[in-house]
Amino acid sequence: MSLAPRFGVSHTILASKALEPSSAAKGNVVELYLDYCCPFSRKLYVKWVKDVIPVIEKKLDKKFEFKLLQVAQPWHPSSILMHEAALAVAQTEPARFQDFSMALFEKQRTWFDENCFNKTRREIYEELASLAGEVGASPDQILRALTIDEHKLDEQGQATNTGNKVTKDLKYFTRYHRQNGVHMTPTVAVNGIILGTIGSGNAPEEVMELLDGATS
């Protein structure tokens, strides 16, 4: 199973800001399964974007396409809301998605359990929309995508529980990682095969050697 084309621009990680999404290398696919609320996912993503991917592109004579795959972990309720906000950015401003992902990881502690226990869902959405505005997305558009229509009722006048405008995409990513056997974050897969030897602690040169070996 490959990632749906509609996520091609948003979920492809680019090492260089000078590159356009359409020019990303087509070759070996490296999938990074990450949770925005996971400290180890933060460590891996930041390291890969800033250090690992540039080293691979410079020193390894192979083509790679790096993808961010979202894994919302339900034991942290705010994780789901963070992923929803990211999907709202992907829908409305796909070119801003990686910048927003970086901002989410860098400020993830804002939405750790201890800091969210007394916040409402709406308050957290507003905070996340404000963060999206810091990377150039429209906070109003993000909030519209996240808002639940409280007046949407079925024929019997009962709540429909159909979610918001990003619920469908959240379900898609949940099915994707479950089908591929991913349960913990971070997880790295190369051409569809989980590579358990790569984690958040690997140095750039070590990752390069492991990816080279996995694509021989």
N, C-alpha and C. Protein backbone atom coordinates (compact mmCIF):
# COMPACT_ATOMS: atom_id res chain seq x y z
N MET A 1 0.84 -1.20 0.00
CA MET A 1 0.00 0.00 0.00
C MET A 1 0.87 1.24 0.00
N SER A 2 0.67 2.09 -0.97
CA SER A 2 1.42 3.34 -1.04
C SER A 2 0.51 4.49 -0.63
N LEU A 3 1.12 5.58 -0.20
CA LEU A 3 0.37 6.71 0.29
C LEU A 3 -0.49 7.31 -0.81
N ALA A 4 -1.72 7.69 -0.47
CA ALA A 4 -2.64 8.26 -1.44
C ALA A 4 -2.04 9.50 -2.09
N PRO A 5 -2.25 9.67 -3.39
CA PRO A 5 -1.65 10.81 -4.11
C PRO A 5 -1.99 12.17 -3.52
N ARG A 6 -3.16 12.28 -2.89
CA ARG A 6 -3.54 13.60 -2.36
C ARG A 6 -2.62 14.08 -1.25
N PHE A 7 -1.82 13.17 -0.70
CA PHE A 7 -0.87 13.55 0.35
C PHE A 7 0.56 13.67 -0.18
N GLY A 8 0.71 13.62 -1.49
CA GLY A 8 2.05 13.65 -2.08
C GLY A 8 2.82 14.91 -1.78
N VAL A 9 2.16 16.06 -1.85
CA VAL A 9 2.84 17.33 -1.59
C VAL A 9 3.05 17.53 -0.10
N SER A 10 2.03 17.33 0.67
CA SER A 10 2.10 17.65 2.10
C SER A 10 3.02 16.72 2.87
N HIS A 11 2.95 15.42 2.64
CA HIS A 11 3.63 14.46 3.51
C HIS A 11 4.99 14.02 2.99
N THR A 12 5.46 14.60 1.91
CA THR A 12 6.81 14.34 1.43
C THR A 12 7.77 15.32 2.10
N ILE A 13 8.80 14.76 2.75
CA ILE A 13 9.78 15.59 3.44
C ILE A 13 10.87 16.00 2.46
N LEU A 14 11.15 17.29 2.39
CA LEU A 14 12.19 17.78 1.51
C LEU A 14 13.36 18.28 2.34
N ALA A 15 14.55 17.86 1.97
CA ALA A 15 15.73 18.27 2.71
C ALA A 15 16.12 19.71 2.40
N SER A 16 15.81 20.16 1.20
CA SER A 16 16.22 21.50 0.79
C SER A 16 14.99 22.35 0.50
N LYS A 17 14.97 23.55 1.04
CA LYS A 17 13.86 24.46 0.78
C LYS A 17 13.82 24.89 -0.69
N ALA A 18 14.94 24.71 -1.39
CA ALA A 18 14.99 25.12 -2.79
C ALA A 18 14.25 24.13 -3.69
N LEU A 19 14.02 22.92 -3.20
CA LEU A 19 13.35 21.91 -4.00
C LEU A 19 11.85 22.13 -4.00
N GLU A 20 11.21 21.79 -5.12
CA GLU A 20 9.76 21.79 -5.19
C GLU A 20 9.29 20.36 -4.97
N PRO A 21 8.08 20.17 -4.41
CA PRO A 21 7.60 18.82 -4.16
C PRO A 21 7.62 17.92 -5.39
N SER A 22 7.34 18.49 -6.57
CA SER A 22 7.29 17.68 -7.78
C SER A 22 8.66 17.18 -8.20
N SER A 23 9.74 17.78 -7.65
CA SER A 23 11.08 17.38 -8.05
C SER A 23 11.73 16.43 -7.06
N ALA A 24 10.95 16.02 -6.03
CA ALA A 24 11.50 15.10 -5.04
C ALA A 24 11.95 13.81 -5.71
N ALA A 25 13.06 13.28 -5.25
CA ALA A 25 13.62 12.07 -5.86
C ALA A 25 12.63 10.92 -5.80
N LYS A 26 12.46 10.23 -6.94
CA LYS A 26 11.59 9.07 -7.00
C LYS A 26 12.48 7.84 -6.98
N GLY A 27 12.38 7.07 -5.95
CA GLY A 27 13.21 5.88 -5.84
C GLY A 27 12.79 5.08 -4.64
N ASN A 28 13.73 4.81 -3.77
CA ASN A 28 13.42 4.09 -2.54
C ASN A 28 12.56 4.97 -1.63
N VAL A 29 11.52 4.37 -1.08
CA VAL A 29 10.60 5.13 -0.23
C VAL A 29 10.89 4.83 1.23
N VAL A 30 11.20 5.87 1.98
CA VAL A 30 11.44 5.74 3.42
C VAL A 30 10.29 6.41 4.15
N GLU A 31 9.58 5.62 4.94
CA GLU A 31 8.43 6.13 5.67
C GLU A 31 8.77 6.29 7.15
N LEU A 32 8.52 7.48 7.66
CA LEU A 32 8.74 7.77 9.07
C LEU A 32 7.37 7.83 9.75
N TYR A 33 7.08 6.83 10.55
CA TYR A 33 5.81 6.78 11.28
C TYR A 33 6.00 7.51 12.60
N LEU A 34 5.31 8.65 12.74
CA LEU A 34 5.58 9.54 13.86
C LEU A 34 4.30 10.03 14.53
N ASP A 35 4.42 10.30 15.82
CA ASP A 35 3.34 10.89 16.60
C ASP A 35 3.80 12.25 17.10
N TYR A 36 3.02 13.28 16.83
CA TYR A 36 3.41 14.63 17.22
C TYR A 36 3.57 14.80 18.73
N CYS A 37 2.96 13.92 19.52
CA CYS A 37 3.01 14.05 20.98
C CYS A 37 4.09 13.17 21.59
N CYS A 38 4.88 12.50 20.75
CA CYS A 38 5.90 11.56 21.21
C CYS A 38 7.28 12.22 21.20
N PRO A 39 7.96 12.28 22.35
CA PRO A 39 9.29 12.91 22.40
C PRO A 39 10.31 12.26 21.49
N PHE A 40 10.22 10.94 21.33
CA PHE A 40 11.19 10.25 20.47
C PHE A 40 10.90 10.51 18.99
N SER A 41 9.62 10.69 18.65
CA SER A 41 9.28 11.09 17.28
C SER A 41 9.83 12.48 16.99
N ARG A 42 9.72 13.35 17.97
CA ARG A 42 10.27 14.71 17.83
C ARG A 42 11.77 14.64 17.56
N LYS A 43 12.47 13.85 18.37
CA LYS A 43 13.92 13.75 18.23
C LYS A 43 14.30 13.24 16.85
N LEU A 44 13.59 12.21 16.38
CA LEU A 44 13.91 11.64 15.07
C LEU A 44 13.61 12.61 13.94
N TYR A 45 12.42 13.23 13.97
CA TYR A 45 12.03 14.12 12.87
C TYR A 45 12.98 15.31 12.75
N VAL A 46 13.23 15.96 13.87
CA VAL A 46 14.11 17.14 13.84
C VAL A 46 15.50 16.75 13.35
N LYS A 47 16.03 15.63 13.85
CA LYS A 47 17.36 15.18 13.44
C LYS A 47 17.40 14.83 11.96
N TRP A 48 16.37 14.13 11.48
CA TRP A 48 16.36 13.72 10.08
C TRP A 48 16.26 14.91 9.14
N VAL A 49 15.37 15.84 9.44
CA VAL A 49 15.19 17.01 8.56
C VAL A 49 16.45 17.87 8.54
N LYS A 50 17.06 18.08 9.70
CA LYS A 50 18.19 19.00 9.79
C LYS A 50 19.54 18.35 9.46
N ASP A 51 19.68 17.05 9.77
CA ASP A 51 21.00 16.42 9.65
C ASP A 51 21.03 15.16 8.78
N VAL A 52 20.09 14.25 9.02
CA VAL A 52 20.18 12.94 8.36
C VAL A 52 19.91 13.00 6.87
N ILE A 53 18.79 13.57 6.47
CA ILE A 53 18.43 13.60 5.05
C ILE A 53 19.45 14.38 4.22
N PRO A 54 19.93 15.54 4.67
CA PRO A 54 20.97 16.23 3.90
C PRO A 54 22.24 15.40 3.71
N VAL A 55 22.65 14.63 4.74
CA VAL A 55 23.83 13.77 4.62
C VAL A 55 23.59 12.67 3.59
N ILE A 56 22.41 12.06 3.64
CA ILE A 56 22.08 11.00 2.69
C ILE A 56 22.07 11.53 1.26
N GLU A 57 21.47 12.69 1.04
CA GLU A 57 21.40 13.25 -0.30
C GLU A 57 22.79 13.63 -0.82
N LYS A 58 23.67 14.00 0.08
CA LYS A 58 25.00 14.44 -0.32
C LYS A 58 25.95 13.27 -0.56
N LYS A 59 25.85 12.23 0.28
CA LYS A 59 26.88 11.19 0.27
C LYS A 59 26.44 9.85 -0.31
N LEU A 60 25.14 9.58 -0.35
CA LEU A 60 24.69 8.27 -0.81
C LEU A 60 24.14 8.38 -2.22
N ASP A 61 24.73 7.64 -3.14
CA ASP A 61 24.37 7.72 -4.55
C ASP A 61 23.16 6.84 -4.86
N LYS A 62 22.06 7.13 -4.19
CA LYS A 62 20.79 6.44 -4.42
C LYS A 62 19.67 7.45 -4.27
N LYS A 63 18.56 7.14 -4.91
CA LYS A 63 17.42 8.03 -4.82
C LYS A 63 16.48 7.58 -3.70
N PHE A 64 16.07 8.54 -2.89
CA PHE A 64 15.15 8.27 -1.80
C PHE A 64 14.01 9.28 -1.81
N GLU A 65 12.87 8.83 -1.38
CA GLU A 65 11.74 9.72 -1.15
C GLU A 65 11.32 9.50 0.30
N PHE A 66 11.34 10.56 1.10
CA PHE A 66 11.06 10.46 2.52
C PHE A 66 9.64 10.94 2.81
N LYS A 67 8.89 10.13 3.54
CA LYS A 67 7.50 10.44 3.85
C LYS A 67 7.27 10.51 5.35
N LEU A 68 6.44 11.45 5.77
CA LEU A 68 5.98 11.49 7.16
C LEU A 68 4.62 10.82 7.20
N LEU A 69 4.51 9.75 7.99
CA LEU A 69 3.25 9.03 8.16
C LEU A 69 2.74 9.29 9.58
N GLN A 70 1.54 9.79 9.68
CA GLN A 70 0.98 10.19 10.97
C GLN A 70 0.42 9.00 11.76
N VAL A 71 0.82 8.92 13.02
CA VAL A 71 0.34 7.87 13.92
C VAL A 71 -0.16 8.53 15.20
N ALA A 72 -1.46 8.73 15.29
CA ALA A 72 -2.04 9.32 16.50
C ALA A 72 -2.12 8.24 17.58
N GLN A 73 -1.54 8.51 18.74
CA GLN A 73 -1.53 7.52 19.83
C GLN A 73 -2.60 7.89 20.85
N PRO A 74 -3.62 7.03 21.00
CA PRO A 74 -4.82 7.40 21.78
C PRO A 74 -4.60 7.52 23.28
N TRP A 75 -3.47 7.04 23.82
CA TRP A 75 -3.27 7.19 25.26
C TRP A 75 -2.93 8.63 25.64
N HIS A 76 -2.66 9.47 24.65
CA HIS A 76 -2.53 10.91 24.86
C HIS A 76 -3.64 11.58 24.05
N PRO A 77 -4.78 11.93 24.65
CA PRO A 77 -5.91 12.49 23.90
C PRO A 77 -5.55 13.68 23.02
N SER A 78 -4.62 14.51 23.50
CA SER A 78 -4.24 15.69 22.71
C SER A 78 -3.51 15.31 21.44
N SER A 79 -2.92 14.11 21.40
CA SER A 79 -2.24 13.66 20.19
C SER A 79 -3.20 13.66 19.01
N ILE A 80 -4.41 13.20 19.23
CA ILE A 80 -5.41 13.15 18.16
C ILE A 80 -5.70 14.55 17.65
N LEU A 81 -5.82 15.51 18.56
CA LEU A 81 -6.12 16.88 18.15
C LEU A 81 -4.95 17.50 17.39
N MET A 82 -3.74 17.17 17.79
CA MET A 82 -2.55 17.66 17.08
C MET A 82 -2.51 17.11 15.66
N HIS A 83 -2.81 15.84 15.52
CA HIS A 83 -2.83 15.24 14.18
C HIS A 83 -3.95 15.81 13.32
N GLU A 84 -5.09 16.08 13.95
CA GLU A 84 -6.19 16.69 13.21
C GLU A 84 -5.78 18.07 12.68
N ALA A 85 -5.11 18.84 13.51
CA ALA A 85 -4.67 20.17 13.07
C ALA A 85 -3.69 20.06 11.91
N ALA A 86 -2.78 19.08 11.98
CA ALA A 86 -1.82 18.89 10.89
C ALA A 86 -2.55 18.50 9.61
N LEU A 87 -3.57 17.67 9.72
CA LEU A 87 -4.33 17.28 8.54
C LEU A 87 -5.12 18.46 7.97
N ALA A 88 -5.56 19.36 8.85
CA ALA A 88 -6.24 20.57 8.37
C ALA A 88 -5.28 21.44 7.57
N VAL A 89 -4.03 21.52 8.02
CA VAL A 89 -3.02 22.26 7.25
C VAL A 89 -2.76 21.55 5.93
N ALA A 90 -2.68 20.22 5.95
CA ALA A 90 -2.45 19.46 4.72
C ALA A 90 -3.55 19.70 3.71
N GLN A 91 -4.78 19.86 4.19
CA GLN A 91 -5.90 20.09 3.29
C GLN A 91 -5.91 21.50 2.72
N THR A 92 -5.61 22.48 3.55
CA THR A 92 -5.77 23.87 3.14
C THR A 92 -4.48 24.51 2.62
N GLU A 93 -3.33 24.11 3.19
CA GLU A 93 -2.04 24.68 2.80
C GLU A 93 -1.00 23.56 2.76
N PRO A 94 -1.11 22.62 1.81
CA PRO A 94 -0.21 21.46 1.81
C PRO A 94 1.27 21.80 1.81
N ALA A 95 1.64 22.90 1.18
CA ALA A 95 3.06 23.29 1.14
C ALA A 95 3.56 23.74 2.51
N ARG A 96 2.65 24.03 3.45
CA ARG A 96 3.03 24.47 4.80
C ARG A 96 3.08 23.29 5.78
N PHE A 97 2.72 22.11 5.33
CA PHE A 97 2.55 20.98 6.25
C PHE A 97 3.84 20.62 6.97
N GLN A 98 4.96 20.55 6.27
CA GLN A 98 6.22 20.18 6.92
C GLN A 98 6.67 21.25 7.91
N ASP A 99 6.46 22.51 7.57
CA ASP A 99 6.80 23.59 8.51
C ASP A 99 5.92 23.49 9.76
N PHE A 100 4.66 23.18 9.56
CA PHE A 100 3.76 23.04 10.70
C PHE A 100 4.14 21.81 11.53
N SER A 101 4.54 20.74 10.86
CA SER A 101 4.98 19.55 11.58
C SER A 101 6.18 19.86 12.45
N MET A 102 7.13 20.59 11.90
CA MET A 102 8.31 20.98 12.68
C MET A 102 7.89 21.83 13.89
N ALA A 103 6.98 22.77 13.67
CA ALA A 103 6.52 23.62 14.77
C ALA A 103 5.80 22.80 15.83
N LEU A 104 5.00 21.83 15.41
CA LEU A 104 4.30 20.96 16.36
C LEU A 104 5.29 20.18 17.22
N PHE A 105 6.29 19.61 16.56
CA PHE A 105 7.28 18.85 17.31
C PHE A 105 8.06 19.74 18.28
N GLU A 106 8.45 20.90 17.81
CA GLU A 106 9.25 21.78 18.66
C GLU A 106 8.47 22.30 19.87
N LYS A 107 7.15 22.41 19.73
CA LYS A 107 6.32 22.94 20.83
C LYS A 107 5.38 21.88 21.39
N GLN A 108 5.73 20.61 21.20
CA GLN A 108 4.82 19.53 21.59
C GLN A 108 4.47 19.54 23.07
N ARG A 109 5.38 19.99 23.93
CA ARG A 109 5.11 19.96 25.37
C ARG A 109 3.90 20.83 25.75
N THR A 110 3.58 21.79 24.90
CA THR A 110 2.41 22.63 25.14
C THR A 110 1.16 21.77 25.27
N TRP A 111 1.16 20.62 24.57
CA TRP A 111 -0.03 19.77 24.54
C TRP A 111 0.21 18.41 25.19
N PHE A 112 1.18 18.34 26.09
CA PHE A 112 1.34 17.14 26.91
C PHE A 112 0.17 17.06 27.90
N ASP A 113 -0.06 15.87 28.41
CA ASP A 113 -1.23 15.62 29.26
C ASP A 113 -1.37 16.63 30.40
N GLU A 114 -0.27 16.88 31.08
CA GLU A 114 -0.33 17.77 32.25
C GLU A 114 -0.76 19.19 31.88
N ASN A 115 -0.42 19.59 30.67
CA ASN A 115 -0.74 20.96 30.24
C ASN A 115 -2.10 21.08 29.57
N CYS A 116 -2.79 19.96 29.36
CA CYS A 116 -4.07 19.99 28.65
C CYS A 116 -5.25 19.50 29.48
N PHE A 117 -4.96 19.03 30.68
CA PHE A 117 -6.00 18.36 31.47
C PHE A 117 -7.22 19.24 31.69
N ASN A 118 -7.01 20.53 31.88
CA ASN A 118 -8.13 21.44 32.17
C ASN A 118 -8.54 22.30 30.97
N LYS A 119 -8.06 21.94 29.79
CA LYS A 119 -8.43 22.67 28.58
C LYS A 119 -9.56 21.96 27.86
N THR A 120 -10.40 22.74 27.18
CA THR A 120 -11.45 22.14 26.36
C THR A 120 -10.89 21.78 24.99
N ARG A 121 -11.62 20.95 24.29
CA ARG A 121 -11.23 20.59 22.93
C ARG A 121 -11.13 21.84 22.06
N ARG A 122 -12.09 22.72 22.19
CA ARG A 122 -12.10 23.95 21.41
C ARG A 122 -10.87 24.80 21.72
N GLU A 123 -10.50 24.91 22.97
CA GLU A 123 -9.34 25.71 23.34
C GLU A 123 -8.06 25.15 22.72
N ILE A 124 -7.93 23.85 22.71
CA ILE A 124 -6.74 23.24 22.10
C ILE A 124 -6.73 23.47 20.60
N TYR A 125 -7.88 23.33 19.96
CA TYR A 125 -7.98 23.62 18.52
C TYR A 125 -7.54 25.06 18.24
N GLU A 126 -7.97 25.98 19.07
CA GLU A 126 -7.62 27.39 18.85
C GLU A 126 -6.11 27.61 19.00
N GLU A 127 -5.51 26.94 19.96
CA GLU A 127 -4.05 27.04 20.14
C GLU A 127 -3.32 26.49 18.92
N LEU A 128 -3.79 25.36 18.42
CA LEU A 128 -3.14 24.73 17.26
C LEU A 128 -3.34 25.57 16.00
N ALA A 129 -4.51 26.17 15.85
CA ALA A 129 -4.75 27.04 14.70
C ALA A 129 -3.85 28.26 14.76
N SER A 130 -3.63 28.78 15.96
CA SER A 130 -2.73 29.92 16.13
C SER A 130 -1.31 29.54 15.73
N LEU A 131 -0.88 28.34 16.10
CA LEU A 131 0.45 27.87 15.71
C LEU A 131 0.54 27.73 14.19
N ALA A 132 -0.52 27.25 13.57
CA ALA A 132 -0.53 27.15 12.11
C ALA A 132 -0.35 28.52 11.47
N GLY A 133 -0.92 29.53 12.11
CA GLY A 133 -0.76 30.88 11.59
C GLY A 133 0.68 31.35 11.63
N GLU A 134 1.46 30.83 12.58
CA GLU A 134 2.86 31.21 12.69
C GLU A 134 3.71 30.68 11.53
N VAL A 135 3.23 29.66 10.84
CA VAL A 135 3.98 29.12 9.69
C VAL A 135 3.34 29.52 8.36
N GLY A 136 2.39 30.44 8.42
CA GLY A 136 1.82 30.99 7.19
C GLY A 136 0.49 30.43 6.76
N ALA A 137 -0.08 29.51 7.52
CA ALA A 137 -1.41 29.00 7.20
C ALA A 137 -2.46 29.94 7.79
N SER A 138 -3.69 29.78 7.35
CA SER A 138 -4.76 30.64 7.84
C SER A 138 -5.41 30.02 9.08
N PRO A 139 -5.29 30.66 10.24
CA PRO A 139 -5.93 30.12 11.45
C PRO A 139 -7.43 29.92 11.29
N ASP A 140 -8.07 30.83 10.58
CA ASP A 140 -9.52 30.73 10.39
C ASP A 140 -9.87 29.49 9.57
N GLN A 141 -9.10 29.23 8.52
CA GLN A 141 -9.36 28.04 7.71
C GLN A 141 -9.12 26.76 8.50
N ILE A 142 -8.08 26.77 9.32
CA ILE A 142 -7.79 25.59 10.13
C ILE A 142 -8.92 25.33 11.12
N LEU A 143 -9.39 26.38 11.77
CA LEU A 143 -10.49 26.22 12.73
C LEU A 143 -11.76 25.74 12.05
N ARG A 144 -12.02 26.24 10.85
CA ARG A 144 -13.22 25.78 10.13
C ARG A 144 -13.13 24.29 9.81
N ALA A 145 -11.93 23.84 9.46
CA ALA A 145 -11.75 22.42 9.15
C ALA A 145 -11.89 21.54 10.40
N LEU A 146 -11.59 22.11 11.56
CA LEU A 146 -11.61 21.33 12.80
C LEU A 146 -12.93 21.41 13.55
N THR A 147 -13.73 22.39 13.24
CA THR A 147 -14.96 22.64 13.99
C THR A 147 -15.99 21.53 13.77
N ILE A 148 -16.67 21.16 14.85
CA ILE A 148 -17.76 20.21 14.79
C ILE A 148 -19.08 20.98 14.64
N ASP A 149 -19.89 20.57 13.68
CA ASP A 149 -21.19 21.20 13.50
C ASP A 149 -22.15 20.67 14.57
N GLU A 150 -22.34 21.46 15.61
CA GLU A 150 -23.17 21.02 16.74
C GLU A 150 -24.65 20.89 16.38
N HIS A 151 -25.04 21.47 15.25
CA HIS A 151 -26.45 21.47 14.87
C HIS A 151 -26.78 20.42 13.81
N LYS A 152 -25.79 19.60 13.47
CA LYS A 152 -26.02 18.57 12.46
C LYS A 152 -26.69 17.36 13.10
N LEU A 153 -27.96 17.13 12.76
CA LEU A 153 -28.74 16.06 13.35
C LEU A 153 -29.28 15.14 12.27
N ASP A 154 -29.59 13.91 12.67
CA ASP A 154 -30.17 12.97 11.71
C ASP A 154 -31.68 13.18 11.64
N GLU A 155 -32.38 12.30 10.93
CA GLU A 155 -33.83 12.46 10.73
C GLU A 155 -34.62 12.36 12.02
N GLN A 156 -34.03 11.69 13.01
CA GLN A 156 -34.71 11.56 14.30
C GLN A 156 -34.31 12.67 15.28
N GLY A 157 -33.52 13.63 14.80
CA GLY A 157 -33.10 14.73 15.65
C GLY A 157 -31.98 14.38 16.59
N GLN A 158 -31.24 13.28 16.28
CA GLN A 158 -30.14 12.84 17.12
C GLN A 158 -28.79 13.26 16.52
N ALA A 159 -27.81 13.40 17.38
CA ALA A 159 -26.46 13.75 16.91
C ALA A 159 -25.94 12.68 15.98
N THR A 160 -25.20 13.08 14.95
CA THR A 160 -24.72 12.14 13.93
C THR A 160 -23.34 11.57 14.24
N ASN A 161 -22.56 12.27 15.04
CA ASN A 161 -21.21 11.81 15.41
C ASN A 161 -20.33 11.58 14.18
N THR A 162 -20.45 12.46 13.19
CA THR A 162 -19.71 12.29 11.93
C THR A 162 -18.36 13.00 11.92
N GLY A 163 -18.04 13.71 13.01
CA GLY A 163 -16.73 14.33 13.09
C GLY A 163 -16.64 15.65 12.36
N ASN A 164 -15.40 16.01 11.98
CA ASN A 164 -15.17 17.29 11.28
C ASN A 164 -14.61 17.01 9.89
N LYS A 165 -14.05 18.03 9.27
CA LYS A 165 -13.61 17.90 7.88
C LYS A 165 -12.32 17.10 7.72
N VAL A 166 -11.64 16.79 8.82
CA VAL A 166 -10.41 16.00 8.71
C VAL A 166 -10.57 14.58 9.24
N THR A 167 -11.77 14.25 9.73
CA THR A 167 -11.99 12.91 10.30
C THR A 167 -11.68 11.81 9.29
N LYS A 168 -12.09 11.99 8.06
CA LYS A 168 -11.85 10.99 7.03
C LYS A 168 -10.36 10.75 6.83
N ASP A 169 -9.57 11.81 6.83
CA ASP A 169 -8.12 11.67 6.64
C ASP A 169 -7.46 11.04 7.86
N LEU A 170 -7.95 11.36 9.05
CA LEU A 170 -7.41 10.73 10.26
C LEU A 170 -7.67 9.22 10.24
N LYS A 171 -8.86 8.83 9.80
CA LYS A 171 -9.18 7.41 9.67
C LYS A 171 -8.25 6.74 8.65
N TYR A 172 -7.97 7.46 7.57
CA TYR A 172 -7.10 6.91 6.52
C TYR A 172 -5.72 6.58 7.09
N PHE A 173 -5.11 7.52 7.80
CA PHE A 173 -3.77 7.28 8.34
C PHE A 173 -3.79 6.21 9.43
N THR A 174 -4.86 6.14 10.18
CA THR A 174 -4.97 5.09 11.20
C THR A 174 -5.04 3.71 10.55
N ARG A 175 -5.83 3.59 9.51
CA ARG A 175 -5.89 2.30 8.78
C ARG A 175 -4.55 1.98 8.15
N TYR A 176 -3.88 3.01 7.64
CA TYR A 176 -2.59 2.81 6.96
C TYR A 176 -1.56 2.20 7.91
N HIS A 177 -1.39 2.80 9.08
CA HIS A 177 -0.34 2.29 9.97
C HIS A 177 -0.74 0.97 10.62
N ARG A 178 -2.04 0.77 10.85
CA ARG A 178 -2.47 -0.51 11.42
C ARG A 178 -2.26 -1.64 10.42
N GLN A 179 -2.61 -1.40 9.16
CA GLN A 179 -2.43 -2.42 8.13
C GLN A 179 -0.97 -2.80 7.98
N ASN A 180 -0.08 -1.82 8.14
CA ASN A 180 1.34 -2.07 7.96
C ASN A 180 2.04 -2.53 9.24
N GLY A 181 1.26 -2.81 10.27
CA GLY A 181 1.82 -3.38 11.49
C GLY A 181 2.61 -2.42 12.36
N VAL A 182 2.35 -1.13 12.23
CA VAL A 182 3.05 -0.14 13.03
C VAL A 182 2.24 0.16 14.29
N HIS A 183 2.85 -0.02 15.44
CA HIS A 183 2.16 0.22 16.71
C HIS A 183 2.85 1.26 17.57
N MET A 184 4.18 1.33 17.49
CA MET A 184 4.93 2.26 18.32
C MET A 184 5.59 3.34 17.46
N THR A 185 5.86 4.46 18.09
CA THR A 185 6.54 5.55 17.39
C THR A 185 7.83 5.92 18.13
N PRO A 186 8.86 6.30 17.35
CA PRO A 186 8.90 6.31 15.88
C PRO A 186 9.18 4.92 15.31
N THR A 187 8.69 4.70 14.11
CA THR A 187 9.00 3.49 13.35
C THR A 187 9.42 3.92 11.95
N VAL A 188 10.46 3.27 11.43
CA VAL A 188 10.97 3.58 10.10
C VAL A 188 10.79 2.36 9.21
N ALA A 189 10.23 2.58 8.03
CA ALA A 189 10.07 1.51 7.04
C ALA A 189 10.76 1.92 5.75
N VAL A 190 11.41 0.95 5.10
CA VAL A 190 12.09 1.19 3.83
C VAL A 190 11.46 0.29 2.78
N ASN A 191 10.88 0.92 1.77
CA ASN A 191 10.19 0.18 0.71
C ASN A 191 9.18 -0.81 1.28
N GLY A 192 8.45 -0.35 2.30
CA GLY A 192 7.38 -1.14 2.88
C GLY A 192 7.80 -2.10 3.97
N ILE A 193 9.10 -2.24 4.23
CA ILE A 193 9.60 -3.16 5.25
C ILE A 193 10.08 -2.38 6.46
N ILE A 194 9.54 -2.70 7.64
CA ILE A 194 9.95 -2.02 8.86
C ILE A 194 11.41 -2.36 9.17
N LEU A 195 12.19 -1.33 9.42
CA LEU A 195 13.61 -1.48 9.73
C LEU A 195 13.80 -1.17 11.21
N GLY A 196 13.78 -2.22 12.03
CA GLY A 196 13.82 -2.04 13.47
C GLY A 196 15.14 -1.56 14.01
N THR A 197 16.17 -1.55 13.18
CA THR A 197 17.49 -1.11 13.64
C THR A 197 17.64 0.41 13.63
N ILE A 198 16.65 1.11 13.07
CA ILE A 198 16.72 2.57 13.02
C ILE A 198 15.74 3.15 14.03
N GLY A 199 16.25 4.04 14.88
CA GLY A 199 15.43 4.72 15.86
C GLY A 199 15.85 6.17 15.99
N SER A 200 15.41 6.80 17.05
CA SER A 200 15.70 8.22 17.23
C SER A 200 17.14 8.49 17.63
N GLY A 201 17.87 7.46 18.08
CA GLY A 201 19.23 7.67 18.57
C GLY A 201 20.32 7.48 17.55
N ASN A 202 19.99 7.01 16.34
CA ASN A 202 21.02 6.75 15.34
C ASN A 202 21.63 8.04 14.80
N ALA A 203 22.95 8.04 14.66
CA ALA A 203 23.65 9.18 14.07
C ALA A 203 23.44 9.18 12.55
N PRO A 204 23.57 10.36 11.91
CA PRO A 204 23.35 10.45 10.47
C PRO A 204 24.14 9.43 9.65
N GLU A 205 25.42 9.27 9.94
CA GLU A 205 26.25 8.34 9.17
C GLU A 205 25.77 6.90 9.37
N GLU A 206 25.32 6.57 10.56
CA GLU A 206 24.81 5.23 10.84
C GLU A 206 23.52 4.98 10.08
N VAL A 207 22.63 5.97 10.04
CA VAL A 207 21.40 5.84 9.28
C VAL A 207 21.71 5.62 7.81
N MET A 208 22.66 6.36 7.29
CA MET A 208 23.04 6.24 5.89
C MET A 208 23.49 4.81 5.59
N GLU A 209 24.31 4.24 6.45
CA GLU A 209 24.79 2.86 6.25
C GLU A 209 23.64 1.86 6.29
N LEU A 210 22.71 2.05 7.22
CA LEU A 210 21.59 1.14 7.35
C LEU A 210 20.65 1.23 6.15
N LEU A 211 20.42 2.45 5.66
CA LEU A 211 19.57 2.60 4.48
C LEU A 211 20.24 2.04 3.24
N ASP A 212 21.55 2.21 3.17
CA ASP A 212 22.29 1.66 2.04
C ASP A 212 22.17 0.14 2.03
N GLY A 213 22.32 -0.46 3.21
CA GLY A 213 22.22 -1.90 3.32
C GLY A 213 20.82 -2.41 3.03
N ALA A 214 19.81 -1.65 3.42
CA ALA A 214 18.42 -2.06 3.23
C ALA A 214 17.96 -1.93 1.80
N THR A 215 18.71 -1.18 0.99
CA THR A 215 18.32 -0.97 -0.42
C THR A 215 19.34 -1.57 -1.39
N SER A 216 20.16 -2.48 -0.90
CA SER A 216 21.18 -3.10 -1.76
C SER A 216 20.52 -4.08 -2.74
